[in-house]
Amino acid sequence: MILLIAALCAVTIIPRIIPAFIVDRLVLPAWCVTYLNYIPYAALGVLIFPGILTAVEHPVHGVLGGGFAVILALLRVPLFFIVLGSIIFIYIIML
């Protein structure tokens, strides 16, 4: 069992470590770098949006809270206060 766990660890860690050593040697075109810079935002959207819809009893409250968080983010409010403000906002509209 230990040998199997070690083998599975090696199989998954190799593809994660090798790109770290190769990426710094690559010279990518500007359009490609711009495209790659947007991937974290897309991934966050995919991870956060289902939670917004299922975190509260009514999905409308979650969407309103997410919209409030977007407004706070556009105003460049620190992340801690965005989360706290959204929680308080949803709590208030659920009353």
Protein backbone atom coordinates (compact mmCIF):
# COMPACT_ATOMS: atom_id res chain seq x y z
CA MET A 1 0.00 0.00 0.00
CA ILE A 2 2.85 2.39 0.84
CA LEU A 3 4.53 1.60 -2.49
CA LEU A 4 1.29 2.39 -4.31
CA ILE A 5 0.93 5.73 -2.50
CA ALA A 6 4.55 6.62 -3.30
CA ALA A 7 4.06 5.72 -6.97
CA LEU A 8 0.87 7.80 -7.20
CA CYS A 9 2.68 10.70 -5.53
CA ALA A 10 5.52 10.51 -8.05
CA VAL A 11 3.12 10.33 -10.98
CA THR A 12 1.23 13.44 -9.89
CA ILE A 13 4.17 15.52 -8.68
CA ILE A 14 6.32 15.16 -11.81
CA PRO A 15 3.89 17.05 -14.10
CA ARG A 16 3.58 19.76 -11.45
CA ILE A 17 7.28 20.31 -10.84
CA ILE A 18 8.67 20.08 -14.39
CA PRO A 19 6.77 23.14 -15.71
CA ALA A 20 8.18 25.25 -12.88
CA PHE A 21 11.68 24.70 -14.26
CA ILE A 22 10.72 25.08 -17.93
CA VAL A 23 8.42 28.13 -17.84
CA ASP A 24 11.11 30.65 -16.91
CA ARG A 25 13.07 29.74 -20.07
CA LEU A 26 10.12 30.26 -22.42
CA VAL A 27 9.61 33.56 -24.19
CA LEU A 28 5.94 33.95 -25.00
CA PRO A 29 4.38 36.56 -27.28
CA ALA A 30 2.59 39.46 -25.59
CA TRP A 31 -0.87 38.29 -26.68
CA CYS A 32 -0.26 34.89 -25.13
CA VAL A 33 0.88 36.41 -21.83
CA THR A 34 -2.21 38.62 -21.78
CA TYR A 35 -4.42 35.58 -22.40
CA LEU A 36 -2.73 33.59 -19.63
CA ASN A 37 -3.14 36.46 -17.17
CA TYR A 38 -6.93 36.12 -17.41
CA ILE A 39 -7.02 32.41 -16.55
CA PRO A 40 -6.97 32.91 -12.74
CA TYR A 41 -10.00 35.21 -12.97
CA ALA A 42 -11.90 32.67 -15.06
CA ALA A 43 -11.00 29.87 -12.66
CA LEU A 44 -12.12 31.93 -9.68
CA GLY A 45 -15.41 32.67 -11.40
CA VAL A 46 -16.01 28.99 -12.05
CA LEU A 47 -15.23 28.13 -8.43
CA ILE A 48 -17.15 30.98 -6.79
CA PHE A 49 -20.35 31.25 -8.86
CA PRO A 50 -21.88 27.86 -7.87
CA GLY A 51 -21.23 28.73 -4.23
CA ILE A 52 -22.99 32.05 -4.65
CA LEU A 53 -26.09 30.25 -5.88
CA THR A 54 -26.11 27.54 -3.21
CA ALA A 55 -24.75 29.27 -0.09
CA VAL A 56 -28.06 30.77 0.98
CA GLU A 57 -31.66 29.59 0.93
CA HIS A 58 -32.69 31.73 -2.05
CA PRO A 59 -30.22 32.06 -4.97
CA VAL A 60 -31.37 35.67 -5.52
CA HIS A 61 -29.82 36.64 -2.18
CA GLY A 62 -26.53 35.03 -3.22
CA VAL A 63 -26.54 36.85 -6.57
CA LEU A 64 -27.24 40.16 -4.81
CA GLY A 65 -24.40 39.48 -2.38
CA GLY A 66 -22.09 38.63 -5.27
CA GLY A 67 -23.08 41.84 -7.03
CA PHE A 68 -22.37 43.80 -3.85
CA ALA A 69 -18.94 42.13 -3.65
CA VAL A 70 -18.23 43.13 -7.26
CA ILE A 71 -19.15 46.75 -6.50
CA LEU A 72 -16.85 46.76 -3.46
CA ALA A 73 -14.06 45.22 -5.54
CA LEU A 74 -14.47 47.90 -8.23
CA LEU A 75 -14.11 50.50 -5.47
CA ARG A 76 -10.79 48.83 -4.55
CA VAL A 77 -11.91 47.84 -1.05
CA PRO A 78 -9.48 45.38 0.63
CA LEU A 79 -10.45 41.72 0.26
CA PHE A 80 -11.20 41.18 3.95
CA PHE A 81 -13.75 43.99 3.91
CA ILE A 82 -15.28 42.74 0.65
CA VAL A 83 -15.98 39.36 2.23
CA LEU A 84 -17.17 40.87 5.50
CA GLY A 85 -19.30 43.47 3.71
CA SER A 86 -20.93 40.84 1.50
CA ILE A 87 -21.76 38.66 4.50
CA ILE A 88 -23.30 41.59 6.35
CA PHE A 89 -25.18 42.68 3.20
CA ILE A 90 -26.69 39.22 2.71
CA TYR A 91 -27.56 39.00 6.40
CA ILE A 92 -29.40 42.34 6.19
CA ILE A 93 -31.37 41.47 3.03
CA MET A 94 -32.37 38.11 4.49
CA LEU A 95 -33.99 39.75 7.54
